Protein backbone atom coordinates (compact mmCIF):
# COMPACT_ATOMS: atom_id res chain seq x y z
CA MET A 1 2.20 -19.75 -8.66
CA GLY A 2 1.77 -23.22 -7.30
CA GLU A 3 3.93 -23.65 -4.25
CA GLN A 4 4.72 -27.23 -5.25
CA ASP A 5 5.38 -26.62 -8.96
CA ALA A 6 8.10 -29.10 -9.95
CA LEU A 7 8.00 -28.23 -13.66
CA LYS A 8 8.80 -24.53 -13.15
CA PRO A 9 9.90 -24.10 -9.52
CA PRO A 10 8.67 -21.03 -7.60
CA GLU A 11 12.10 -19.39 -7.79
CA TYR A 12 11.42 -18.66 -11.46
CA SER A 13 8.13 -16.96 -10.66
CA ARG A 14 9.85 -14.86 -8.01
CA LEU A 15 12.57 -13.78 -10.46
CA ILE A 16 9.97 -12.76 -13.05
CA ALA A 17 7.86 -10.86 -10.49
CA GLU A 18 10.92 -9.00 -9.20
CA ARG A 19 11.58 -7.68 -12.69
CA ILE A 20 8.04 -6.52 -13.49
CA PRO A 21 7.27 -3.13 -11.93
CA ASP A 22 4.20 -3.11 -9.66
CA SER A 23 3.71 -6.85 -10.13
CA GLU A 24 1.99 -8.98 -7.52
CA LEU A 25 2.98 -12.58 -6.90
CA LEU A 26 0.57 -14.96 -5.25
CA SER A 27 1.69 -18.32 -3.90
CA ILE A 28 -1.01 -20.99 -3.76
CA PRO A 29 -0.28 -23.65 -1.12
CA GLY A 30 -0.80 -27.26 -2.10
CA ALA A 31 -0.79 -26.56 -5.84
CA GLY A 32 1.62 -27.57 -8.56
CA HIS A 33 2.15 -26.44 -12.15
CA ALA A 34 -1.56 -26.72 -13.07
CA VAL A 35 -2.64 -24.37 -10.29
CA ILE A 36 -5.59 -23.06 -12.33
CA ILE A 37 -7.01 -26.60 -12.54
CA GLU A 38 -5.90 -27.73 -9.09
CA LYS A 39 -7.18 -24.73 -7.12
CA PRO A 40 -9.79 -22.93 -9.26
CA ALA A 41 -11.62 -21.33 -6.31
CA GLU A 42 -8.44 -19.79 -4.95
CA ILE A 43 -7.42 -18.50 -8.38
CA ASN A 44 -10.90 -17.07 -8.99
CA THR A 45 -10.89 -15.27 -5.65
CA ALA A 46 -7.39 -13.89 -6.28
CA LEU A 47 -8.26 -12.69 -9.80
CA LEU A 48 -11.48 -11.03 -8.73
CA GLY A 49 -9.64 -9.30 -5.89
CA PHE A 50 -6.92 -8.11 -8.27
CA ILE A 51 -9.45 -6.80 -10.78
CA GLU A 52 -11.44 -5.01 -8.10
CA LYS A 53 -8.27 -3.48 -6.64
CA HIS A 54 -7.23 -2.09 -10.03
CA ARG A 55 -10.65 -1.31 -11.44
CA ARG A 56 -11.07 2.21 -12.75
CA VAL A 57 -13.90 4.18 -11.31
CA ASP A 58 -15.63 6.21 -14.01
CA SER A 59 -16.18 9.80 -13.07
CA ALA A 60 -19.54 11.17 -14.19
């Protein structure tokens, strides 16, 4: 979520995350509603970290 999102304030993201089991909420400083466009490097790093954390390891 963009910390400075005026269109959908962060409180809404927090409420949603609280209601989704095992969810993870990331707050991106200095970003608004278009966080994906405003902070693409931060989003990319966060997504890759999330994927790696939850990646299944195939057993041979």
